[in-house]
Amino acid sequence: MITAAKFRKIVFALPHTLEKPHFDRIAFRVDVPKGKNFCTLAGDASNCNVFLTPDEQAMLTGAEPGIFARIPNKWGDKGATSIDLRACDEATLKSALVMAWRHAAPAKYHDGLAL
């Protein structure tokens, strides 16, 4: 189980990460020019949403259906994926967050990513 404190520790280990409110969730974005949101955290910290490719989403939901789920809307069609933090372990979460971070950060920042 990943707590809110543990989630923040993991997500802030990713370079240039910034936290901002996002509707009823908390968004985490890459705070560089042309950086984007790469995940959101539910207010109760029970789940987070990450922004992956559809292929990455299919791989993760197929491998770990008790942890990963396609978000059931147009964002889900584009790869938005929910992670059940109550069922997730730290290594699995880190892996998914790194995938999402890489999509949100311009390529020139990828070399600074080491977890």
PDB file of N, CA and C in Angstrom:
ATOM      1  N   MET A   1       0.842  -1.186   0.000  1.00  0.00           N
ATOM      2  CA  MET A   1       0.000   0.000   0.000  1.00  0.00           C
ATOM      3  C   MET A   1       0.884   1.246   0.000  1.00  0.00           C
ATOM      4  N   ILE A   2       0.522   2.185  -0.849  1.00  0.00           N
ATOM      5  CA  ILE A   2       1.262   3.433  -0.954  1.00  0.00           C
ATOM      6  C   ILE A   2       0.455   4.536  -0.266  1.00  0.00           C
ATOM      7  N   THR A   3       1.025   5.158   0.736  1.00  0.00           N
ATOM      8  CA  THR A   3       0.377   6.273   1.420  1.00  0.00           C
ATOM      9  C   THR A   3       0.618   7.564   0.635  1.00  0.00           C
ATOM     10  N   ALA A   4      -0.102   8.604   0.999  1.00  0.00           N
ATOM     11  CA  ALA A   4       0.095   9.906   0.350  1.00  0.00           C
ATOM     12  C   ALA A   4       1.527  10.391   0.545  1.00  0.00           C
ATOM     13  N   ALA A   5       2.066  10.207   1.736  1.00  0.00           N
ATOM     14  CA  ALA A   5       3.441  10.642   2.009  1.00  0.00           C
ATOM     15  C   ALA A   5       4.439   9.857   1.163  1.00  0.00           C
ATOM     16  N   LYS A   6       4.250   8.563   1.050  1.00  0.00           N
ATOM     17  CA  LYS A   6       5.133   7.721   0.243  1.00  0.00           C
ATOM     18  C   LYS A   6       5.008   8.090  -1.238  1.00  0.00           C
ATOM     19  N   PHE A   7       3.780   8.339  -1.690  1.00  0.00           N
ATOM     20  CA  PHE A   7       3.566   8.745  -3.073  1.00  0.00           C
ATOM     21  C   PHE A   7       4.355  10.016  -3.374  1.00  0.00           C
ATOM     22  N   ARG A   8       4.230  11.009  -2.511  1.00  0.00           N
ATOM     23  CA  ARG A   8       4.929  12.278  -2.736  1.00  0.00           C
ATOM     24  C   ARG A   8       6.447  12.086  -2.725  1.00  0.00           C
ATOM     25  N   LYS A   9       6.948  11.235  -1.862  1.00  0.00           N
ATOM     26  CA  LYS A   9       8.385  10.970  -1.828  1.00  0.00           C
ATOM     27  C   LYS A   9       8.847  10.388  -3.163  1.00  0.00           C
ATOM     28  N   ILE A  10       8.072   9.461  -3.709  1.00  0.00           N
ATOM     29  CA  ILE A  10       8.424   8.836  -4.986  1.00  0.00           C
ATOM     30  C   ILE A  10       8.303   9.832  -6.128  1.00  0.00           C
ATOM     31  N   VAL A  11       7.195  10.552  -6.188  1.00  0.00           N
ATOM     32  CA  VAL A  11       6.957  11.454  -7.316  1.00  0.00           C
ATOM     33  C   VAL A  11       7.935  12.633  -7.302  1.00  0.00           C
ATOM     34  N   PHE A  12       8.307  13.130  -6.136  1.00  0.00           N
ATOM     35  CA  PHE A  12       9.242  14.251  -6.085  1.00  0.00           C
ATOM     36  C   PHE A  12      10.698  13.830  -6.299  1.00  0.00           C
ATOM     37  N   ALA A  13      10.962  12.521  -6.381  1.00  0.00           N
ATOM     38  CA  ALA A  13      12.286  12.043  -6.775  1.00  0.00           C
ATOM     39  C   ALA A  13      12.496  12.223  -8.282  1.00  0.00           C
ATOM     40  N   LEU A  14      11.410  12.443  -9.014  1.00  0.00           N
ATOM     41  CA  LEU A  14      11.504  12.703 -10.450  1.00  0.00           C
ATOM     42  C   LEU A  14      11.887  14.170 -10.654  1.00  0.00           C
ATOM     43  N   PRO A  15      12.872  14.434 -11.502  1.00  0.00           N
ATOM     44  CA  PRO A  15      13.367  15.805 -11.668  1.00  0.00           C
ATOM     45  C   PRO A  15      12.291  16.788 -12.117  1.00  0.00           C
ATOM     46  N   HIS A  16      12.401  17.993 -11.634  1.00  0.00           N
ATOM     47  CA  HIS A  16      11.563  19.118 -12.065  1.00  0.00           C
ATOM     48  C   HIS A  16      10.070  18.884 -11.817  1.00  0.00           C
ATOM     49  N   THR A  17       9.715  18.152 -10.779  1.00  0.00           N
ATOM     50  CA  THR A  17       8.301  17.876 -10.503  1.00  0.00           C
ATOM     51  C   THR A  17       7.709  18.980  -9.642  1.00  0.00           C
ATOM     52  N   LEU A  18       6.527  19.415 -10.036  1.00  0.00           N
ATOM     53  CA  LEU A  18       5.792  20.469  -9.359  1.00  0.00           C
ATOM     54  C   LEU A  18       4.384  19.960  -9.053  1.00  0.00           C
ATOM     55  N   GLU A  19       3.854  20.320  -7.891  1.00  0.00           N
ATOM     56  CA  GLU A  19       2.503  19.923  -7.470  1.00  0.00           C
ATOM     57  C   GLU A  19       1.566  21.122  -7.585  1.00  0.00           C
ATOM     58  N   LYS A  20       0.374  20.881  -8.160  1.00  0.00           N
ATOM     59  CA  LYS A  20      -0.639  21.939  -8.295  1.00  0.00           C
ATOM     60  C   LYS A  20      -2.030  21.335  -8.138  1.00  0.00           C
ATOM     61  N   PRO A  21      -2.994  22.107  -7.659  1.00  0.00           N
ATOM     62  CA  PRO A  21      -4.382  21.612  -7.621  1.00  0.00           C
ATOM     63  C   PRO A  21      -4.889  21.364  -9.048  1.00  0.00           C
ATOM     64  N   HIS A  22      -5.751  20.365  -9.172  1.00  0.00           N
ATOM     65  CA  HIS A  22      -6.333  20.024 -10.472  1.00  0.00           C
ATOM     66  C   HIS A  22      -7.731  19.468 -10.243  1.00  0.00           C
ATOM     67  N   PHE A  23      -8.728  20.335 -10.285  1.00  0.00           N
ATOM     68  CA  PHE A  23     -10.115  19.965  -9.996  1.00  0.00           C
ATOM     69  C   PHE A  23     -10.175  19.339  -8.604  1.00  0.00           C
ATOM     70  N   ASP A  24     -10.675  18.093  -8.483  1.00  0.00           N
ATOM     71  CA  ASP A  24     -10.778  17.439  -7.180  1.00  0.00           C
ATOM     72  C   ASP A  24      -9.549  16.578  -6.873  1.00  0.00           C
ATOM     73  N   ARG A  25      -8.503  16.730  -7.665  1.00  0.00           N
ATOM     74  CA  ARG A  25      -7.284  15.941  -7.514  1.00  0.00           C
ATOM     75  C   ARG A  25      -6.088  16.882  -7.370  1.00  0.00           C
ATOM     76  N   ILE A  26      -4.922  16.305  -7.201  1.00  0.00           N
ATOM     77  CA  ILE A  26      -3.677  17.056  -7.176  1.00  0.00           C
ATOM     78  C   ILE A  26      -2.880  16.618  -8.394  1.00  0.00           C
ATOM     79  N   ALA A  27      -2.435  17.567  -9.189  1.00  0.00           N
ATOM     80  CA  ALA A  27      -1.663  17.247 -10.390  1.00  0.00           C
ATOM     81  C   ALA A  27      -0.175  17.393 -10.116  1.00  0.00           C
ATOM     82  N   PHE A  28       0.589  16.547 -10.787  1.00  0.00           N
ATOM     83  CA  PHE A  28       2.046  16.622 -10.749  1.00  0.00           C
ATOM     84  C   PHE A  28       2.507  16.799 -12.183  1.00  0.00           C
ATOM     85  N   ARG A  29       3.340  17.812 -12.386  1.00  0.00           N
ATOM     86  CA  ARG A  29       3.771  18.140 -13.738  1.00  0.00           C
ATOM     87  C   ARG A  29       5.276  18.328 -13.772  1.00  0.00           C
ATOM     88  N   VAL A  30       5.817  18.227 -14.963  1.00  0.00           N
ATOM     89  CA  VAL A  30       7.227  18.510 -15.177  1.00  0.00           C
ATOM     90  C   VAL A  30       7.343  20.018 -15.364  1.00  0.00           C
ATOM     91  N   ASP A  31       8.015  20.669 -14.444  1.00  0.00           N
ATOM     92  CA  ASP A  31       8.095  22.127 -14.415  1.00  0.00           C
ATOM     93  C   ASP A  31       9.298  22.636 -15.210  1.00  0.00           C
ATOM     94  N   VAL A  32       9.222  22.435 -16.513  1.00  0.00           N
ATOM     95  CA  VAL A  32      10.214  22.954 -17.455  1.00  0.00           C
ATOM     96  C   VAL A  32       9.431  23.483 -18.654  1.00  0.00           C
ATOM     97  N   PRO A  33      10.076  24.276 -19.503  1.00  0.00           N
ATOM     98  CA  PRO A  33       9.350  24.731 -20.694  1.00  0.00           C
ATOM     99  C   PRO A  33       8.786  23.550 -21.483  1.00  0.00           C
ATOM    100  N   LYS A  34       7.545  23.657 -21.836  1.00  0.00           N
ATOM    101  CA  LYS A  34       6.804  22.636 -22.573  1.00  0.00           C
ATOM    102  C   LYS A  34       6.586  21.351 -21.778  1.00  0.00           C
ATOM    103  N   GLY A  35       6.815  21.386 -20.456  1.00  0.00           N
ATOM    104  CA  GLY A  35       6.518  20.244 -19.609  1.00  0.00           C
ATOM    105  C   GLY A  35       5.010  20.138 -19.403  1.00  0.00           C
ATOM    106  N   LYS A  36       4.539  18.948 -19.080  1.00  0.00           N
ATOM    107  CA  LYS A  36       3.102  18.693 -18.944  1.00  0.00           C
ATOM    108  C   LYS A  36       2.806  17.948 -17.649  1.00  0.00           C
ATOM    109  N   ASN A  37       1.506  17.850 -17.335  1.00  0.00           N
ATOM    110  CA  ASN A  37       1.081  16.980 -16.243  1.00  0.00           C
ATOM    111  C   ASN A  37       1.407  15.539 -16.625  1.00  0.00           C
ATOM    112  N   PHE A  38       1.877  14.764 -15.636  1.00  0.00           N
ATOM    113  CA  PHE A  38       2.124  13.361 -15.918  1.00  0.00           C
ATOM    114  C   PHE A  38       1.334  12.439 -15.000  1.00  0.00           C
ATOM    115  N   CYS A  39       0.780  12.977 -13.919  1.00  0.00           N
ATOM    116  CA  CYS A  39      -0.091  12.165 -13.073  1.00  0.00           C
ATOM    117  C   CYS A  39      -0.931  13.063 -12.184  1.00  0.00           C
ATOM    118  N   THR A  40      -1.989  12.477 -11.643  1.00  0.00           N
ATOM    119  CA  THR A  40      -2.824  13.162 -10.656  1.00  0.00           C
ATOM    120  C   THR A  40      -3.067  12.202  -9.506  1.00  0.00           C
ATOM    121  N   LEU A  41      -3.266  12.753  -8.331  1.00  0.00           N
ATOM    122  CA  LEU A  41      -3.513  11.976  -7.116  1.00  0.00           C
ATOM    123  C   LEU A  41      -4.893  12.307  -6.588  1.00  0.00           C
ATOM    124  N   ALA A  42      -5.670  11.274  -6.254  1.00  0.00           N
ATOM    125  CA  ALA A  42      -6.991  11.485  -5.661  1.00  0.00           C
ATOM    126  C   ALA A  42      -6.843  12.141  -4.299  1.00  0.00           C
ATOM    127  N   GLY A  43      -7.858  12.915  -3.904  1.00  0.00           N
ATOM    128  CA  GLY A  43      -7.837  13.608  -2.623  1.00  0.00           C
ATOM    129  C   GLY A  43      -7.667  12.678  -1.434  1.00  0.00           C
ATOM    130  N   ASP A  44      -8.211  11.464  -1.532  1.00  0.00           N
ATOM    131  CA  ASP A  44      -8.074  10.499  -0.437  1.00  0.00           C
ATOM    132  C   ASP A  44      -6.847   9.606  -0.601  1.00  0.00           C
ATOM    133  N   ALA A  45      -6.039   9.842  -1.646  1.00  0.00           N
ATOM    134  CA  ALA A  45      -4.805   9.109  -1.934  1.00  0.00           C
ATOM    135  C   ALA A  45      -5.026   7.619  -2.159  1.00  0.00           C
ATOM    136  N   SER A  46      -6.230   7.235  -2.554  1.00  0.00           N
ATOM    137  CA  SER A  46      -6.486   5.816  -2.817  1.00  0.00           C
ATOM    138  C   SER A  46      -6.016   5.405  -4.206  1.00  0.00           C
ATOM    139  N   ASN A  47      -5.899   6.375  -5.107  1.00  0.00           N
ATOM    140  CA  ASN A  47      -5.466   6.066  -6.465  1.00  0.00           C
ATOM    141  C   ASN A  47      -4.793   7.281  -7.088  1.00  0.00           C
ATOM    142  N   CYS A  48      -4.085   7.004  -8.162  1.00  0.00           N
ATOM    143  CA  CYS A  48      -3.532   8.070  -8.979  1.00  0.00           C
ATOM    144  C   CYS A  48      -3.797   7.721 -10.431  1.00  0.00           C
ATOM    145  N   ASN A  49      -3.782   8.726 -11.265  1.00  0.00           N
ATOM    146  CA  ASN A  49      -3.918   8.529 -12.700  1.00  0.00           C
ATOM    147  C   ASN A  49      -2.609   8.937 -13.350  1.00  0.00           C
ATOM    148  N   VAL A  50      -2.138   8.097 -14.278  1.00  0.00           N
ATOM    149  CA  VAL A  50      -0.922   8.402 -15.023  1.00  0.00           C
ATOM    150  C   VAL A  50      -1.264   8.473 -16.503  1.00  0.00           C
ATOM    151  N   PHE A  51      -0.459   9.216 -17.234  1.00  0.00           N
ATOM    152  CA  PHE A  51      -0.699   9.410 -18.653  1.00  0.00           C
ATOM    153  C   PHE A  51       0.356   8.638 -19.436  1.00  0.00           C
ATOM    154  N   LEU A  52      -0.069   7.502 -20.000  1.00  0.00           N
ATOM    155  CA  LEU A  52       0.797   6.571 -20.715  1.00  0.00           C
ATOM    156  C   LEU A  52       0.401   6.519 -22.183  1.00  0.00           C
ATOM    157  N   THR A  53       1.107   5.724 -22.963  1.00  0.00           N
ATOM    158  CA  THR A  53       0.658   5.436 -24.319  1.00  0.00           C
ATOM    159  C   THR A  53      -0.378   4.319 -24.233  1.00  0.00           C
ATOM    160  N   PRO A  54      -1.230   4.171 -25.242  1.00  0.00           N
ATOM    161  CA  PRO A  54      -2.175   3.049 -25.225  1.00  0.00           C
ATOM    162  C   PRO A  54      -1.475   1.686 -25.129  1.00  0.00           C
ATOM    163  N   ASP A  55      -0.307   1.536 -25.759  1.00  0.00           N
ATOM    164  CA  ASP A  55       0.420   0.269 -25.680  1.00  0.00           C
ATOM    165  C   ASP A  55       0.933   0.004 -24.264  1.00  0.00           C
ATOM    166  N   GLU A  56       1.464   1.027 -23.615  1.00  0.00           N
ATOM    167  CA  GLU A  56       1.913   0.863 -22.227  1.00  0.00           C
ATOM    168  C   GLU A  56       0.724   0.524 -21.330  1.00  0.00           C
ATOM    169  N   GLN A  57      -0.387   1.221 -21.559  1.00  0.00           N
ATOM    170  CA  GLN A  57      -1.592   0.950 -20.787  1.00  0.00           C
ATOM    171  C   GLN A  57      -2.029  -0.507 -20.942  1.00  0.00           C
ATOM    172  N   ALA A  58      -2.058  -0.998 -22.171  1.00  0.00           N
ATOM    173  CA  ALA A  58      -2.466  -2.387 -22.425  1.00  0.00           C
ATOM    174  C   ALA A  58      -1.525  -3.373 -21.730  1.00  0.00           C
ATOM    175  N   MET A  59      -0.228  -3.091 -21.760  1.00  0.00           N
ATOM    176  CA  MET A  59       0.740  -3.964 -21.107  1.00  0.00           C
ATOM    177  C   MET A  59       0.496  -4.015 -19.590  1.00  0.00           C
ATOM    178  N   LEU A  60       0.345  -2.843 -18.970  1.00  0.00           N
ATOM    179  CA  LEU A  60       0.194  -2.803 -17.512  1.00  0.00           C
ATOM    180  C   LEU A  60      -1.154  -3.346 -17.050  1.00  0.00           C
ATOM    181  N   THR A  61      -2.232  -2.988 -17.742  1.00  0.00           N
ATOM    182  CA  THR A  61      -3.544  -3.502 -17.328  1.00  0.00           C
ATOM    183  C   THR A  61      -3.631  -5.012 -17.557  1.00  0.00           C
ATOM    184  N   GLY A  62      -2.946  -5.509 -18.578  1.00  0.00           N
ATOM    185  CA  GLY A  62      -2.925  -6.955 -18.811  1.00  0.00           C
ATOM    186  C   GLY A  62      -2.090  -7.706 -17.799  1.00  0.00           C
ATOM    187  N   ALA A  63      -0.970  -7.119 -17.394  1.00  0.00           N
ATOM    188  CA  ALA A  63      -0.059  -7.772 -16.447  1.00  0.00           C
ATOM    189  C   ALA A  63      -0.548  -7.698 -15.008  1.00  0.00           C
ATOM    190  N   GLU A  64      -1.145  -6.571 -14.632  1.00  0.00           N
ATOM    191  CA  GLU A  64      -1.555  -6.339 -13.237  1.00  0.00           C
ATOM    192  C   GLU A  64      -2.961  -5.729 -13.182  1.00  0.00           C
ATOM    193  N   PRO A  65      -3.994  -6.489 -13.552  1.00  0.00           N
ATOM    194  CA  PRO A  65      -5.349  -5.916 -13.580  1.00  0.00           C
ATOM    195  C   PRO A  65      -5.892  -5.523 -12.209  1.00  0.00           C
ATOM    196  N   GLY A  66      -5.305  -6.006 -11.154  1.00  0.00           N
ATOM    197  CA  GLY A  66      -5.723  -5.614  -9.808  1.00  0.00           C
ATOM    198  C   GLY A  66      -5.135  -4.281  -9.369  1.00  0.00           C
ATOM    199  N   ILE A  67      -4.189  -3.776 -10.138  1.00  0.00           N
ATOM    200  CA  ILE A  67      -3.525  -2.516  -9.820  1.00  0.00           C
ATOM    201  C   ILE A  67      -3.859  -1.441 -10.852  1.00  0.00           C
ATOM    202  N   PHE A  68      -3.792  -1.797 -12.134  1.00  0.00           N
ATOM    203  CA  PHE A  68      -3.955  -0.834 -13.228  1.00  0.00           C
ATOM    204  C   PHE A  68      -5.304  -1.008 -13.914  1.00  0.00           C
ATOM    205  N   ALA A  69      -5.926   0.117 -14.268  1.00  0.00           N
ATOM    206  CA  ALA A  69      -7.192   0.086 -15.001  1.00  0.00           C
ATOM    207  C   ALA A  69      -7.244   1.264 -15.975  1.00  0.00           C
ATOM    208  N   ARG A  70      -7.788   1.000 -17.152  1.00  0.00           N
ATOM    209  CA  ARG A  70      -8.008   2.064 -18.131  1.00  0.00           C
ATOM    210  C   ARG A  70      -9.072   3.008 -17.589  1.00  0.00           C
ATOM    211  N   ILE A  71      -8.839   4.296 -17.673  1.00  0.00           N
ATOM    212  CA  ILE A  71      -9.860   5.258 -17.267  1.00  0.00           C
ATOM    213  C   ILE A  71     -10.969   5.204 -18.320  1.00  0.00           C
ATOM    214  N   PRO A  72     -12.222   5.010 -17.882  1.00  0.00           N
ATOM    215  CA  PRO A  72     -13.316   4.757 -18.833  1.00  0.00           C
ATOM    216  C   PRO A  72     -13.886   6.026 -19.484  1.00  0.00           C
ATOM    217  N   ASN A  73     -13.057   6.713 -20.253  1.00  0.00           N
ATOM    218  CA  ASN A  73     -13.521   7.889 -20.989  1.00  0.00           C
ATOM    219  C   ASN A  73     -12.563   8.131 -22.150  1.00  0.00           C
ATOM    220  N   LYS A  74     -12.698   9.283 -22.817  1.00  0.00           N
ATOM    221  CA  LYS A  74     -11.839   9.555 -23.972  1.00  0.00           C
ATOM    222  C   LYS A  74     -10.367   9.654 -23.586  1.00  0.00           C
ATOM    223  N   TRP A  75     -10.072  10.082 -22.352  1.00  0.00           N
ATOM    224  CA  TRP A  75      -8.683  10.120 -21.897  1.00  0.00           C
ATOM    225  C   TRP A  75      -8.122   8.708 -21.786  1.00  0.00           C
ATOM    226  N   GLY A  76      -8.959   7.774 -21.345  1.00  0.00           N
ATOM    227  CA  GLY A  76      -8.534   6.380 -21.267  1.00  0.00           C
ATOM    228  C   GLY A  76      -8.193   5.815 -22.633  1.00  0.00           C
ATOM    229  N   ASP A  77      -8.924   6.231 -23.658  1.00  0.00           N
ATOM    230  CA  ASP A  77      -8.623   5.799 -25.026  1.00  0.00           C
ATOM    231  C   ASP A  77      -7.232   6.242 -25.451  1.00  0.00           C
ATOM    232  N   LYS A  78      -6.756   7.341 -24.868  1.00  0.00           N
ATOM    233  CA  LYS A  78      -5.442   7.893 -25.218  1.00  0.00           C
ATOM    234  C   LYS A  78      -4.332   7.395 -24.296  1.00  0.00           C
ATOM    235  N   GLY A  79      -4.668   6.530 -23.329  1.00  0.00           N
ATOM    236  CA  GLY A  79      -3.651   5.959 -22.449  1.00  0.00           C
ATOM    237  C   GLY A  79      -3.756   6.337 -20.991  1.00  0.00           C
ATOM    238  N   ALA A  80      -4.714   7.192 -20.610  1.00  0.00           N
ATOM    239  CA  ALA A  80      -4.863   7.556 -19.191  1.00  0.00           C
ATOM    240  C   ALA A  80      -5.243   6.314 -18.396  1.00  0.00           C
ATOM    241  N   THR A  81      -4.483   6.069 -17.348  1.00  0.00           N
ATOM    242  CA  THR A  81      -4.578   4.817 -16.597  1.00  0.00           C
ATOM    243  C   THR A  81      -4.626   5.105 -15.101  1.00  0.00           C
ATOM    244  N   SER A  82      -5.524   4.429 -14.410  1.00  0.00           N
ATOM    245  CA  SER A  82      -5.643   4.564 -12.960  1.00  0.00           C
ATOM    246  C   SER A  82      -4.807   3.489 -12.267  1.00  0.00           C
ATOM    247  N   ILE A  83      -4.175   3.882 -11.172  1.00  0.00           N
ATOM    248  CA  ILE A  83      -3.393   2.952 -10.349  1.00  0.00           C
ATOM    249  C   ILE A  83      -4.021   2.915  -8.962  1.00  0.00           C
ATOM    250  N   ASP A  84      -4.393   1.731  -8.524  1.00  0.00           N
ATOM    251  CA  ASP A  84      -4.932   1.547  -7.177  1.00  0.00           C
ATOM    252  C   ASP A  84      -3.764   1.511  -6.203  1.00  0.00           C
ATOM    253  N   LEU A  85      -3.563   2.585  -5.469  1.00  0.00           N
ATOM    254  CA  LEU A  85      -2.410   2.687  -4.567  1.00  0.00           C
ATOM    255  C   LEU A  85      -2.534   1.779  -3.353  1.00  0.00           C
ATOM    256  N   ARG A  86      -3.727   1.297  -3.077  1.00  0.00           N
ATOM    257  CA  ARG A  86      -3.915   0.359  -1.965  1.00  0.00           C
ATOM    258  C   ARG A  86      -3.379  -1.021  -2.316  1.00  0.00           C
ATOM    259  N   ALA A  87      -3.277  -1.320  -3.615  1.00  0.00           N
ATOM    260  CA  ALA A  87      -2.816  -2.637  -4.069  1.00  0.00           C
ATOM    261  C   ALA A  87      -1.413  -2.589  -4.669  1.00  0.00           C
ATOM    262  N   CYS A  88      -0.859  -1.416  -4.795  1.00  0.00           N
ATOM    263  CA  CYS A  88       0.400  -1.224  -5.516  1.00  0.00           C
ATOM    264  C   CYS A  88       1.605  -1.257  -4.573  1.00  0.00           C
ATOM    265  N   ASP A  89       2.731  -1.742  -5.097  1.00  0.00           N
ATOM    266  CA  ASP A  89       3.974  -1.670  -4.334  1.00  0.00           C
ATOM    267  C   ASP A  89       4.839  -0.539  -4.899  1.00  0.00           C
ATOM    268  N   GLU A  90       5.878  -0.192  -4.190  1.00  0.00           N
ATOM    269  CA  GLU A  90       6.714   0.950  -4.533  1.00  0.00           C
ATOM    270  C   GLU A  90       7.397   0.796  -5.890  1.00  0.00           C
ATOM    271  N   ALA A  91       7.960  -0.378  -6.183  1.00  0.00           N
ATOM    272  CA  ALA A  91       8.676  -0.583  -7.445  1.00  0.00           C
ATOM    273  C   ALA A  91       7.736  -0.460  -8.648  1.00  0.00           C
ATOM    274  N   THR A  92       6.538  -1.001  -8.519  1.00  0.00           N
ATOM    275  CA  THR A  92       5.560  -0.928  -9.606  1.00  0.00           C
ATOM    276  C   THR A  92       5.131   0.512  -9.843  1.00  0.00           C
ATOM    277  N   LEU A  93       4.880   1.250  -8.762  1.00  0.00           N
ATOM    278  CA  LEU A  93       4.500   2.649  -8.895  1.00  0.00           C
ATOM    279  C   LEU A  93       5.620   3.462  -9.541  1.00  0.00           C
ATOM    280  N   LYS A  94       6.856   3.280  -9.083  1.00  0.00           N
ATOM    281  CA  LYS A  94       7.987   4.015  -9.654  1.00  0.00           C
ATOM    282  C   LYS A  94       8.081   3.781 -11.152  1.00  0.00           C
ATOM    283  N   SER A  95       7.936   2.546 -11.570  1.00  0.00           N
ATOM    284  CA  SER A  95       8.034   2.206 -12.983  1.00  0.00           C
ATOM    285  C   SER A  95       6.980   2.944 -13.811  1.00  0.00           C
ATOM    286  N   ALA A  96       5.743   2.940 -13.346  1.00  0.00           N
ATOM    287  CA  ALA A  96       4.662   3.619 -14.069  1.00  0.00           C
ATOM    288  C   ALA A  96       4.859   5.134 -14.072  1.00  0.00           C
ATOM    289  N   LEU A  97       5.299   5.688 -12.954  1.00  0.00           N
ATOM    290  CA  LEU A  97       5.519   7.137 -12.891  1.00  0.00           C
ATOM    291  C   LEU A  97       6.650   7.573 -13.815  1.00  0.00           C
ATOM    292  N   VAL A  98       7.705   6.769 -13.898  1.00  0.00           N
ATOM    293  CA  VAL A  98       8.807   7.102 -14.798  1.00  0.00           C
ATOM    294  C   VAL A  98       8.324   7.095 -16.244  1.00  0.00           C
ATOM    295  N   MET A  99       7.523   6.100 -16.622  1.00  0.00           N
ATOM    296  CA  MET A  99       6.968   6.075 -17.982  1.00  0.00           C
ATOM    297  C   MET A  99       6.189   7.351 -18.259  1.00  0.00           C
ATOM    298  N   ALA A 100       5.316   7.715 -17.333  1.00  0.00           N
ATOM    299  CA  ALA A 100       4.477   8.906 -17.511  1.00  0.00           C
ATOM    300  C   ALA A 100       5.324  10.175 -17.531  1.00  0.00           C
ATOM    301  N   TRP A 101       6.319  10.262 -16.649  1.00  0.00           N
ATOM    302  CA  TRP A 101       7.194  11.434 -16.589  1.00  0.00           C
ATOM    303  C   TRP A 101       7.918  11.632 -17.922  1.00  0.00           C
ATOM    304  N   ARG A 102       8.406  10.549 -18.495  1.00  0.00           N
ATOM    305  CA  ARG A 102       9.137  10.633 -19.769  1.00  0.00           C
ATOM    306  C   ARG A 102       8.257  11.193 -20.895  1.00  0.00           C
ATOM    307  N   HIS A 103       6.965  10.900 -20.867  1.00  0.00           N
ATOM    308  CA  HIS A 103       6.063  11.436 -21.892  1.00  0.00           C
ATOM    309  C   HIS A 103       5.803  12.925 -21.670  1.00  0.00           C
ATOM    310  N   ALA A 104       5.894  13.371 -20.443  1.00  0.00           N
ATOM    311  CA  ALA A 104       5.575  14.770 -20.118  1.00  0.00           C
ATOM    312  C   ALA A 104       6.776  15.693 -20.215  1.00  0.00           C
ATOM    313  N   ALA A 105       7.974  15.153 -20.099  1.00  0.00           N
ATOM    314  CA  ALA A 105       9.188  15.964 -20.106  1.00  0.00           C
ATOM    315  C   ALA A 105       9.801  16.009 -21.507  1.00  0.00           C
ATOM    316  N   PRO A 106      10.262  17.163 -21.942  1.00  0.00           N
ATOM    317  CA  PRO A 106      10.987  17.215 -23.207  1.00  0.00           C
ATOM    318  C   PRO A 106      12.208  16.288 -23.152  1.00  0.00           C
ATOM    319  N   ALA A 107      12.564  15.706 -24.272  1.00  0.00           N
ATOM    320  CA  ALA A 107      13.622  14.688 -24.337  1.00  0.00           C
ATOM    321  C   ALA A 107      14.943  15.146 -23.730  1.00  0.00           C
ATOM    322  N   LYS A 108      15.265  16.438 -23.829  1.00  0.00           N
ATOM    323  CA  LYS A 108      16.556  16.893 -23.319  1.00  0.00           C
ATOM    324  C   LYS A 108      16.672  16.753 -21.803  1.00  0.00           C
ATOM    325  N   TYR A 109      15.561  16.535 -21.107  1.00  0.00           N
ATOM    326  CA  TYR A 109      15.588  16.360 -19.651  1.00  0.00           C
ATOM    327  C   TYR A 109      15.653  14.895 -19.235  1.00  0.00           C
ATOM    328  N   HIS A 110      15.523  13.968 -20.160  1.00  0.00           N
ATOM    329  CA  HIS A 110      15.485  12.548 -19.817  1.00  0.00           C
ATOM    330  C   HIS A 110      16.793  12.032 -19.213  1.00  0.00           C
ATOM    331  N   ASP A 111      17.911  12.580 -19.634  1.00  0.00           N
ATOM    332  CA  ASP A 111      19.192  12.104 -19.117  1.00  0.00           C
ATOM    333  C   ASP A 111      19.335  12.336 -17.619  1.00  0.00           C
ATOM    334  N   GLY A 112      18.646  13.317 -17.076  1.00  0.00           N
ATOM    335  CA  GLY A 112      18.718  13.606 -15.653  1.00  0.00           C
ATOM    336  C   GLY A 112      17.878  12.677 -14.806  1.00  0.00           C
ATOM    337  N   LEU A 113      17.187  11.726 -15.457  1.00  0.00           N
ATOM    338  CA  LEU A 113      16.306  10.824 -14.733  1.00  0.00           C
ATOM    339  C   LEU A 113      17.044   9.563 -14.344  1.00  0.00           C
ATOM    340  N   ALA A 114      17.258   9.371 -13.059  1.00  0.00           N
ATOM    341  CA  ALA A 114      17.912   8.160 -12.552  1.00  0.00           C
ATOM    342  C   ALA A 114      17.239   7.773 -11.258  1.00  0.00           C
ATOM    343  N   LEU A 115      16.535   6.672 -11.276  1.00  0.00           N
ATOM    344  CA  LEU A 115      15.888   6.174 -10.043  1.00  0.00           C
ATOM    345  C   LEU A 115      16.444   4.835  -9.656  1.00  0.00           C
TER     346      LEU A 115
END
